[in-house]
Amino acid sequence: MSNTTTRSKLKTSNTSLSMRILKIAACPTCSAKATLTYHLGCTSNSEIYFRLTNNTGGGFFSAEWVSLSAIQEALAKSPQPITSFALIRLFLGKSTNTPAFLLATLVSEGLLKAQPDKLRGYEILDSAAFMAEVSKLIASDVNLKVAEISNKTAPSITKTASTIKLKKSPV
Protein backbone atom coordinates (compact mmCIF):
# COMPACT_ATOMS: atom_id res chain seq x y z
CA MET A 1 0.00 0.00 0.00
CA SER A 2 1.38 3.40 -0.91
CA ASN A 3 1.99 6.15 1.62
CA THR A 4 -0.83 8.19 0.07
CA THR A 5 -3.27 5.30 0.30
CA THR A 6 -2.30 4.59 3.91
CA ARG A 7 -2.70 8.26 4.85
CA SER A 8 -6.09 8.44 3.11
CA LYS A 9 -7.29 5.32 4.90
CA LEU A 10 -6.15 6.73 8.25
CA LYS A 11 -7.69 10.13 7.62
CA THR A 12 -11.03 8.55 6.72
CA SER A 13 -10.94 6.32 9.77
CA ASN A 14 -10.27 9.28 12.04
CA THR A 15 -13.17 11.34 10.82
CA SER A 16 -15.91 8.84 10.08
CA LEU A 17 -15.66 6.03 12.62
CA SER A 18 -17.18 5.89 16.05
CA MET A 19 -14.53 4.73 18.49
CA ARG A 20 -15.11 2.81 21.70
CA ILE A 21 -12.28 3.47 24.17
CA LEU A 22 -11.18 0.19 25.71
CA LYS A 23 -8.19 1.30 27.74
CA ILE A 24 -6.50 4.47 28.99
CA ALA A 25 -2.88 3.90 29.96
CA ALA A 26 0.41 5.68 30.54
CA CYS A 27 3.99 4.77 29.71
CA PRO A 28 7.40 6.43 29.61
CA THR A 29 8.73 7.86 26.37
CA CYS A 30 11.55 5.86 24.78
CA SER A 31 14.03 8.26 26.39
CA ALA A 32 12.23 7.93 29.75
CA LYS A 33 12.25 11.75 30.08
CA ALA A 34 8.45 12.10 30.07
CA THR A 35 5.24 10.12 30.47
CA LEU A 36 2.76 9.57 27.67
CA THR A 37 -0.95 8.88 28.07
CA TYR A 38 -2.64 6.92 25.31
CA HIS A 39 -5.90 5.23 24.44
CA LEU A 40 -6.68 1.87 22.91
CA GLY A 41 -9.96 1.86 21.06
CA CYS A 42 -11.99 -0.25 18.70
CA THR A 43 -14.58 0.28 16.03
CA SER A 44 -17.93 -1.47 15.81
CA ASN A 45 -16.25 -4.20 13.74
CA SER A 46 -13.56 -4.65 16.46
CA GLU A 47 -10.70 -3.06 14.53
CA ILE A 48 -8.11 -1.91 17.09
CA TYR A 49 -6.73 1.65 17.18
CA PHE A 50 -4.16 3.62 19.20
CA ARG A 51 -4.00 7.35 19.90
CA LEU A 52 -1.75 9.55 21.99
CA THR A 53 -3.51 11.91 24.37
CA ASN A 54 -0.91 13.54 26.62
CA ASN A 55 2.82 14.09 27.04
CA THR A 56 4.19 15.38 30.34
CA GLY A 57 7.35 16.49 28.53
CA GLY A 58 5.51 19.15 26.59
CA GLY A 59 6.45 17.93 23.09
CA PHE A 60 3.75 18.24 20.44
CA PHE A 61 2.08 15.15 19.00
CA SER A 62 -0.84 14.13 16.84
CA ALA A 63 -3.86 12.82 18.76
CA GLU A 64 -5.43 11.07 15.77
CA TRP A 65 -6.44 7.41 15.88
CA VAL A 66 -4.13 4.98 14.04
CA SER A 67 -5.20 1.42 13.27
CA LEU A 68 -3.19 -1.49 14.61
CA SER A 69 -3.32 -3.05 11.15
CA ALA A 70 -1.64 0.04 9.61
CA ILE A 71 0.96 0.01 12.40
CA GLN A 72 1.69 -3.68 11.88
CA GLU A 73 1.95 -3.17 8.12
CA ALA A 74 4.43 -0.34 8.59
CA LEU A 75 6.51 -2.38 11.04
CA ALA A 76 6.52 -5.44 8.77
CA LYS A 77 7.90 -3.36 5.88
CA SER A 78 10.58 -1.74 8.02
CA PRO A 79 14.22 -2.76 7.96
CA GLN A 80 15.50 -4.38 11.15
CA PRO A 81 16.02 -3.29 13.84
CA ILE A 82 12.79 -1.30 14.07
CA THR A 83 13.08 2.42 14.80
CA SER A 84 10.44 5.13 14.99
CA PHE A 85 11.21 5.91 11.34
CA ALA A 86 9.07 2.86 10.47
CA LEU A 87 6.00 4.78 11.70
CA ILE A 88 6.69 8.14 10.06
CA ARG A 89 4.53 7.43 7.00
CA LEU A 90 1.51 7.05 9.29
CA PHE A 91 1.86 10.69 10.38
CA LEU A 92 3.05 12.65 7.35
CA GLY A 93 2.42 16.34 7.89
CA LYS A 94 2.11 15.86 11.66
CA SER A 95 4.45 16.35 14.60
CA THR A 96 7.75 14.54 14.18
CA ASN A 97 7.50 13.38 17.82
CA THR A 98 4.41 11.26 17.18
CA PRO A 99 6.09 8.18 15.60
CA ALA A 100 8.53 7.85 18.53
CA PHE A 101 5.73 8.37 21.04
CA LEU A 102 3.62 5.70 19.31
CA LEU A 103 6.63 3.38 19.37
CA ALA A 104 6.82 3.84 23.16
CA THR A 105 3.16 2.81 23.51
CA LEU A 106 3.84 -0.31 21.43
CA VAL A 107 6.69 -1.21 23.77
CA SER A 108 4.42 -0.62 26.77
CA GLU A 109 1.76 -2.91 25.29
CA GLY A 110 4.31 -5.67 24.67
CA LEU A 111 4.20 -5.48 20.87
CA LEU A 112 7.84 -4.35 20.57
CA LYS A 113 10.94 -4.83 22.70
CA ALA A 114 14.17 -2.84 22.86
CA GLN A 115 17.22 -4.66 21.54
CA PRO A 116 19.93 -4.40 24.19
CA ASP A 117 22.77 -4.11 21.67
CA LYS A 118 21.10 -1.50 19.42
CA LEU A 119 20.56 2.11 20.45
CA ARG A 120 16.95 2.95 19.52
CA GLY A 121 16.53 -0.48 17.92
CA TYR A 122 13.43 -2.58 18.59
CA GLU A 123 12.14 -5.98 17.56
CA ILE A 124 8.59 -7.15 16.96
CA LEU A 125 7.19 -9.51 19.60
CA ASP A 126 4.40 -12.06 19.39
CA SER A 127 1.13 -10.17 19.75
CA ALA A 128 -0.87 -13.07 21.27
CA ALA A 129 -0.90 -11.70 24.84
CA PHE A 130 -1.84 -8.20 23.65
CA MET A 131 -4.61 -9.56 21.42
CA ALA A 132 -5.96 -11.71 24.27
CA GLU A 133 -6.14 -8.66 26.56
CA VAL A 134 -7.83 -6.54 23.90
CA SER A 135 -10.26 -9.32 23.03
CA LYS A 136 -11.34 -9.48 26.67
CA LEU A 137 -11.84 -5.72 26.73
CA ILE A 138 -13.90 -5.84 23.53
CA ALA A 139 -16.03 -8.71 24.88
CA SER A 140 -16.58 -6.84 28.16
CA ASP A 141 -18.31 -3.96 26.37
CA VAL A 142 -16.13 -1.49 28.27
CA ASN A 143 -16.51 2.01 26.82
CA LEU A 144 -14.48 4.61 28.71
CA LYS A 145 -15.65 8.18 28.31
CA VAL A 146 -13.15 11.02 28.08
CA ALA A 147 -13.25 14.69 27.21
CA GLU A 148 -12.03 15.73 23.78
CA ILE A 149 -8.27 15.48 23.47
CA SER A 150 -6.03 18.44 22.85
CA ASN A 151 -2.26 18.59 22.81
CA LYS A 152 -2.30 20.16 26.27
CA THR A 153 -4.99 18.22 28.16
CA ALA A 154 -5.69 14.53 28.67
CA PRO A 155 -6.89 12.11 31.30
CA SER A 156 -4.25 11.39 33.90
CA ILE A 157 -5.74 8.19 35.28
CA THR A 158 -4.81 4.75 33.95
CA LYS A 159 -7.93 2.63 33.56
CA THR A 160 -8.65 -0.80 32.17
CA ALA A 161 -11.65 -3.07 32.38
CA SER A 162 -10.07 -4.77 35.39
CA THR A 163 -9.88 -1.51 37.40
CA ILE A 164 -13.31 -0.05 36.71
CA LYS A 165 -16.85 -1.23 37.08
CA LEU A 166 -17.98 -2.35 33.65
CA LYS A 167 -21.13 -0.84 32.21
CA LYS A 168 -22.94 -2.00 29.10
CA SER A 169 -22.81 0.76 26.49
CA PRO A 170 -24.17 0.82 22.98
CA VAL A 171 -21.38 0.64 20.44
C-alpha atoms as a PDB file:
ATOM      1  CA  MET A   1       0.000   0.000   0.000  1.00  0.00           C
ATOM      2  CA  SER A   2       1.383   3.398  -0.910  1.00  0.00           C
ATOM      3  CA  ASN A   3       1.989   6.154   1.617  1.00  0.00           C
ATOM      4  CA  THR A   4      -0.825   8.190   0.072  1.00  0.00           C
ATOM      5  CA  THR A   5      -3.269   5.300   0.298  1.00  0.00           C
ATOM      6  CA  THR A   6      -2.297   4.593   3.906  1.00  0.00           C
ATOM      7  CA  ARG A   7      -2.699   8.256   4.848  1.00  0.00           C
ATOM      8  CA  SER A   8      -6.093   8.435   3.106  1.00  0.00           C
ATOM      9  CA  LYS A   9      -7.293   5.318   4.905  1.00  0.00           C
ATOM     10  CA  LEU A  10      -6.149   6.728   8.251  1.00  0.00           C
ATOM     11  CA  LYS A  11      -7.691  10.129   7.623  1.00  0.00           C
ATOM     12  CA  THR A  12     -11.026   8.553   6.719  1.00  0.00           C
ATOM     13  CA  SER A  13     -10.942   6.318   9.772  1.00  0.00           C
ATOM     14  CA  ASN A  14     -10.265   9.285  12.040  1.00  0.00           C
ATOM     15  CA  THR A  15     -13.172  11.337  10.821  1.00  0.00           C
ATOM     16  CA  SER A  16     -15.912   8.841  10.077  1.00  0.00           C
ATOM     17  CA  LEU A  17     -15.665   6.025  12.618  1.00  0.00           C
ATOM     18  CA  SER A  18     -17.184   5.893  16.049  1.00  0.00           C
ATOM     19  CA  MET A  19     -14.535   4.733  18.485  1.00  0.00           C
ATOM     20  CA  ARG A  20     -15.113   2.813  21.698  1.00  0.00           C
ATOM     21  CA  ILE A  21     -12.284   3.471  24.174  1.00  0.00           C
ATOM     22  CA  LEU A  22     -11.176   0.188  25.711  1.00  0.00           C
ATOM     23  CA  LYS A  23      -8.189   1.304  27.743  1.00  0.00           C
ATOM     24  CA  ILE A  24      -6.502   4.465  28.992  1.00  0.00           C
ATOM     25  CA  ALA A  25      -2.876   3.897  29.956  1.00  0.00           C
ATOM     26  CA  ALA A  26       0.411   5.678  30.541  1.00  0.00           C
ATOM     27  CA  CYS A  27       3.992   4.775  29.711  1.00  0.00           C
ATOM     28  CA  PRO A  28       7.403   6.430  29.611  1.00  0.00           C
ATOM     29  CA  THR A  29       8.728   7.864  26.369  1.00  0.00           C
ATOM     30  CA  CYS A  30      11.548   5.857  24.784  1.00  0.00           C
ATOM     31  CA  SER A  31      14.034   8.261  26.391  1.00  0.00           C
ATOM     32  CA  ALA A  32      12.232   7.934  29.747  1.00  0.00           C
ATOM     33  CA  LYS A  33      12.248  11.747  30.078  1.00  0.00           C
ATOM     34  CA  ALA A  34       8.452  12.100  30.074  1.00  0.00           C
ATOM     35  CA  THR A  35       5.239  10.122  30.474  1.00  0.00           C
ATOM     36  CA  LEU A  36       2.759   9.565  27.667  1.00  0.00           C
ATOM     37  CA  THR A  37      -0.948   8.883  28.073  1.00  0.00           C
ATOM     38  CA  TYR A  38      -2.638   6.921  25.311  1.00  0.00           C
ATOM     39  CA  HIS A  39      -5.904   5.226  24.440  1.00  0.00           C
ATOM     40  CA  LEU A  40      -6.677   1.865  22.907  1.00  0.00           C
ATOM     41  CA  GLY A  41      -9.960   1.863  21.055  1.00  0.00           C
ATOM     42  CA  CYS A  42     -11.988  -0.248  18.702  1.00  0.00           C
ATOM     43  CA  THR A  43     -14.582   0.282  16.028  1.00  0.00           C
ATOM     44  CA  SER A  44     -17.934  -1.473  15.811  1.00  0.00           C
ATOM     45  CA  ASN A  45     -16.246  -4.198  13.740  1.00  0.00           C
ATOM     46  CA  SER A  46     -13.559  -4.654  16.465  1.00  0.00           C
ATOM     47  CA  GLU A  47     -10.696  -3.058  14.530  1.00  0.00           C
ATOM     48  CA  ILE A  48      -8.112  -1.908  17.093  1.00  0.00           C
ATOM     49  CA  TYR A  49      -6.725   1.651  17.178  1.00  0.00           C
ATOM     50  CA  PHE A  50      -4.163   3.618  19.199  1.00  0.00           C
ATOM     51  CA  ARG A  51      -4.004   7.351  19.902  1.00  0.00           C
ATOM     52  CA  LEU A  52      -1.754   9.554  21.992  1.00  0.00           C
ATOM     53  CA  THR A  53      -3.507  11.908  24.373  1.00  0.00           C
ATOM     54  CA  ASN A  54      -0.912  13.540  26.621  1.00  0.00           C
ATOM     55  CA  ASN A  55       2.822  14.090  27.043  1.00  0.00           C
ATOM     56  CA  THR A  56       4.192  15.381  30.341  1.00  0.00           C
ATOM     57  CA  GLY A  57       7.354  16.485  28.529  1.00  0.00           C
ATOM     58  CA  GLY A  58       5.514  19.151  26.589  1.00  0.00           C
ATOM     59  CA  GLY A  59       6.455  17.931  23.090  1.00  0.00           C
ATOM     60  CA  PHE A  60       3.752  18.241  20.445  1.00  0.00           C
ATOM     61  CA  PHE A  61       2.085  15.154  18.998  1.00  0.00           C
ATOM     62  CA  SER A  62      -0.841  14.127  16.844  1.00  0.00           C
ATOM     63  CA  ALA A  63      -3.861  12.822  18.756  1.00  0.00           C
ATOM     64  CA  GLU A  64      -5.426  11.067  15.768  1.00  0.00           C
ATOM     65  CA  TRP A  65      -6.443   7.408  15.883  1.00  0.00           C
ATOM     66  CA  VAL A  66      -4.134   4.984  14.037  1.00  0.00           C
ATOM     67  CA  SER A  67      -5.197   1.422  13.275  1.00  0.00           C
ATOM     68  CA  LEU A  68      -3.192  -1.488  14.613  1.00  0.00           C
ATOM     69  CA  SER A  69      -3.322  -3.047  11.148  1.00  0.00           C
ATOM     70  CA  ALA A  70      -1.644   0.042   9.613  1.00  0.00           C
ATOM     71  CA  ILE A  71       0.956   0.009  12.403  1.00  0.00           C
ATOM     72  CA  GLN A  72       1.685  -3.683  11.879  1.00  0.00           C
ATOM     73  CA  GLU A  73       1.948  -3.174   8.122  1.00  0.00           C
ATOM     74  CA  ALA A  74       4.433  -0.341   8.590  1.00  0.00           C
ATOM     75  CA  LEU A  75       6.510  -2.379  11.036  1.00  0.00           C
ATOM     76  CA  ALA A  76       6.523  -5.440   8.771  1.00  0.00           C
ATOM     77  CA  LYS A  77       7.897  -3.359   5.878  1.00  0.00           C
ATOM     78  CA  SER A  78      10.581  -1.736   8.018  1.00  0.00           C
ATOM     79  CA  PRO A  79      14.223  -2.760   7.964  1.00  0.00           C
ATOM     80  CA  GLN A  80      15.505  -4.375  11.150  1.00  0.00           C
ATOM     81  CA  PRO A  81      16.025  -3.291  13.841  1.00  0.00           C
ATOM     82  CA  ILE A  82      12.793  -1.300  14.069  1.00  0.00           C
ATOM     83  CA  THR A  83      13.075   2.422  14.798  1.00  0.00           C
ATOM     84  CA  SER A  84      10.436   5.129  14.991  1.00  0.00           C
ATOM     85  CA  PHE A  85      11.206   5.914  11.343  1.00  0.00           C
ATOM     86  CA  ALA A  86       9.074   2.861  10.473  1.00  0.00           C
ATOM     87  CA  LEU A  87       6.003   4.776  11.697  1.00  0.00           C
ATOM     88  CA  ILE A  88       6.685   8.139  10.057  1.00  0.00           C
ATOM     89  CA  ARG A  89       4.532   7.429   7.004  1.00  0.00           C
ATOM     90  CA  LEU A  90       1.514   7.054   9.294  1.00  0.00           C
ATOM     91  CA  PHE A  91       1.862  10.688  10.384  1.00  0.00           C
ATOM     92  CA  LEU A  92       3.053  12.650   7.350  1.00  0.00           C
ATOM     93  CA  GLY A  93       2.424  16.336   7.894  1.00  0.00           C
ATOM     94  CA  LYS A  94       2.111  15.864  11.665  1.00  0.00           C
ATOM     95  CA  SER A  95       4.453  16.349  14.600  1.00  0.00           C
ATOM     96  CA  THR A  96       7.752  14.542  14.182  1.00  0.00           C
ATOM     97  CA  ASN A  97       7.503  13.376  17.817  1.00  0.00           C
ATOM     98  CA  THR A  98       4.414  11.261  17.183  1.00  0.00           C
ATOM     99  CA  PRO A  99       6.089   8.184  15.603  1.00  0.00           C
ATOM    100  CA  ALA A 100       8.529   7.849  18.529  1.00  0.00           C
ATOM    101  CA  PHE A 101       5.731   8.366  21.043  1.00  0.00           C
ATOM    102  CA  LEU A 102       3.621   5.705  19.308  1.00  0.00           C
ATOM    103  CA  LEU A 103       6.631   3.384  19.368  1.00  0.00           C
ATOM    104  CA  ALA A 104       6.822   3.842  23.165  1.00  0.00           C
ATOM    105  CA  THR A 105       3.163   2.815  23.507  1.00  0.00           C
ATOM    106  CA  LEU A 106       3.835  -0.311  21.427  1.00  0.00           C
ATOM    107  CA  VAL A 107       6.695  -1.206  23.768  1.00  0.00           C
ATOM    108  CA  SER A 108       4.420  -0.617  26.767  1.00  0.00           C
ATOM    109  CA  GLU A 109       1.761  -2.909  25.292  1.00  0.00           C
ATOM    110  CA  GLY A 110       4.314  -5.673  24.665  1.00  0.00           C
ATOM    111  CA  LEU A 111       4.203  -5.480  20.874  1.00  0.00           C
ATOM    112  CA  LEU A 112       7.840  -4.351  20.572  1.00  0.00           C
ATOM    113  CA  LYS A 113      10.942  -4.828  22.699  1.00  0.00           C
ATOM    114  CA  ALA A 114      14.169  -2.842  22.857  1.00  0.00           C
ATOM    115  CA  GLN A 115      17.224  -4.657  21.538  1.00  0.00           C
ATOM    116  CA  PRO A 116      19.934  -4.401  24.191  1.00  0.00           C
ATOM    117  CA  ASP A 117      22.766  -4.107  21.668  1.00  0.00           C
ATOM    118  CA  LYS A 118      21.103  -1.501  19.418  1.00  0.00           C
ATOM    119  CA  LEU A 119      20.563   2.107  20.453  1.00  0.00           C
ATOM    120  CA  ARG A 120      16.953   2.951  19.520  1.00  0.00           C
ATOM    121  CA  GLY A 121      16.531  -0.481  17.920  1.00  0.00           C
ATOM    122  CA  TYR A 122      13.432  -2.582  18.587  1.00  0.00           C
ATOM    123  CA  GLU A 123      12.143  -5.978  17.563  1.00  0.00           C
ATOM    124  CA  ILE A 124       8.594  -7.147  16.958  1.00  0.00           C
ATOM    125  CA  LEU A 125       7.189  -9.510  19.596  1.00  0.00           C
ATOM    126  CA  ASP A 126       4.405 -12.062  19.386  1.00  0.00           C
ATOM    127  CA  SER A 127       1.130 -10.174  19.746  1.00  0.00           C
ATOM    128  CA  ALA A 128      -0.866 -13.068  21.269  1.00  0.00           C
ATOM    129  CA  ALA A 129      -0.895 -11.701  24.842  1.00  0.00           C
ATOM    130  CA  PHE A 130      -1.839  -8.201  23.647  1.00  0.00           C
ATOM    131  CA  MET A 131      -4.612  -9.563  21.423  1.00  0.00           C
ATOM    132  CA  ALA A 132      -5.956 -11.714  24.274  1.00  0.00           C
ATOM    133  CA  GLU A 133      -6.144  -8.662  26.557  1.00  0.00           C
ATOM    134  CA  VAL A 134      -7.826  -6.537  23.896  1.00  0.00           C
ATOM    135  CA  SER A 135     -10.261  -9.324  23.026  1.00  0.00           C
ATOM    136  CA  LYS A 136     -11.338  -9.484  26.675  1.00  0.00           C
ATOM    137  CA  LEU A 137     -11.839  -5.720  26.730  1.00  0.00           C
ATOM    138  CA  ILE A 138     -13.899  -5.843  23.531  1.00  0.00           C
ATOM    139  CA  ALA A 139     -16.026  -8.711  24.879  1.00  0.00           C
ATOM    140  CA  SER A 140     -16.583  -6.841  28.162  1.00  0.00           C
ATOM    141  CA  ASP A 141     -18.314  -3.963  26.367  1.00  0.00           C
ATOM    142  CA  VAL A 142     -16.132  -1.487  28.269  1.00  0.00           C
ATOM    143  CA  ASN A 143     -16.505   2.014  26.825  1.00  0.00           C
ATOM    144  CA  LEU A 144     -14.483   4.613  28.710  1.00  0.00           C
ATOM    145  CA  LYS A 145     -15.648   8.180  28.312  1.00  0.00           C
ATOM    146  CA  VAL A 146     -13.152  11.025  28.078  1.00  0.00           C
ATOM    147  CA  ALA A 147     -13.250  14.687  27.207  1.00  0.00           C
ATOM    148  CA  GLU A 148     -12.029  15.730  23.783  1.00  0.00           C
ATOM    149  CA  ILE A 149      -8.268  15.482  23.470  1.00  0.00           C
ATOM    150  CA  SER A 150      -6.027  18.438  22.845  1.00  0.00           C
ATOM    151  CA  ASN A 151      -2.255  18.594  22.807  1.00  0.00           C
ATOM    152  CA  LYS A 152      -2.299  20.162  26.269  1.00  0.00           C
ATOM    153  CA  THR A 153      -4.988  18.221  28.164  1.00  0.00           C
ATOM    154  CA  ALA A 154      -5.695  14.531  28.675  1.00  0.00           C
ATOM    155  CA  PRO A 155      -6.890  12.108  31.301  1.00  0.00           C
ATOM    156  CA  SER A 156      -4.247  11.389  33.904  1.00  0.00           C
ATOM    157  CA  ILE A 157      -5.745   8.186  35.284  1.00  0.00           C
ATOM    158  CA  THR A 158      -4.813   4.754  33.950  1.00  0.00           C
ATOM    159  CA  LYS A 159      -7.931   2.631  33.558  1.00  0.00           C
ATOM    160  CA  THR A 160      -8.653  -0.804  32.173  1.00  0.00           C
ATOM    161  CA  ALA A 161     -11.653  -3.074  32.385  1.00  0.00           C
ATOM    162  CA  SER A 162     -10.069  -4.766  35.393  1.00  0.00           C
ATOM    163  CA  THR A 163      -9.881  -1.515  37.403  1.00  0.00           C
ATOM    164  CA  ILE A 164     -13.309  -0.050  36.712  1.00  0.00           C
ATOM    165  CA  LYS A 165     -16.845  -1.233  37.078  1.00  0.00           C
ATOM    166  CA  LEU A 166     -17.980  -2.354  33.646  1.00  0.00           C
ATOM    167  CA  LYS A 167     -21.130  -0.844  32.208  1.00  0.00           C
ATOM    168  CA  LYS A 168     -22.936  -1.997  29.100  1.00  0.00           C
ATOM    169  CA  SER A 169     -22.810   0.763  26.495  1.00  0.00           C
ATOM    170  CA  PRO A 170     -24.168   0.821  22.985  1.00  0.00           C
ATOM    171  CA  VAL A 171     -21.381   0.639  20.443  1.00  0.00           C
END
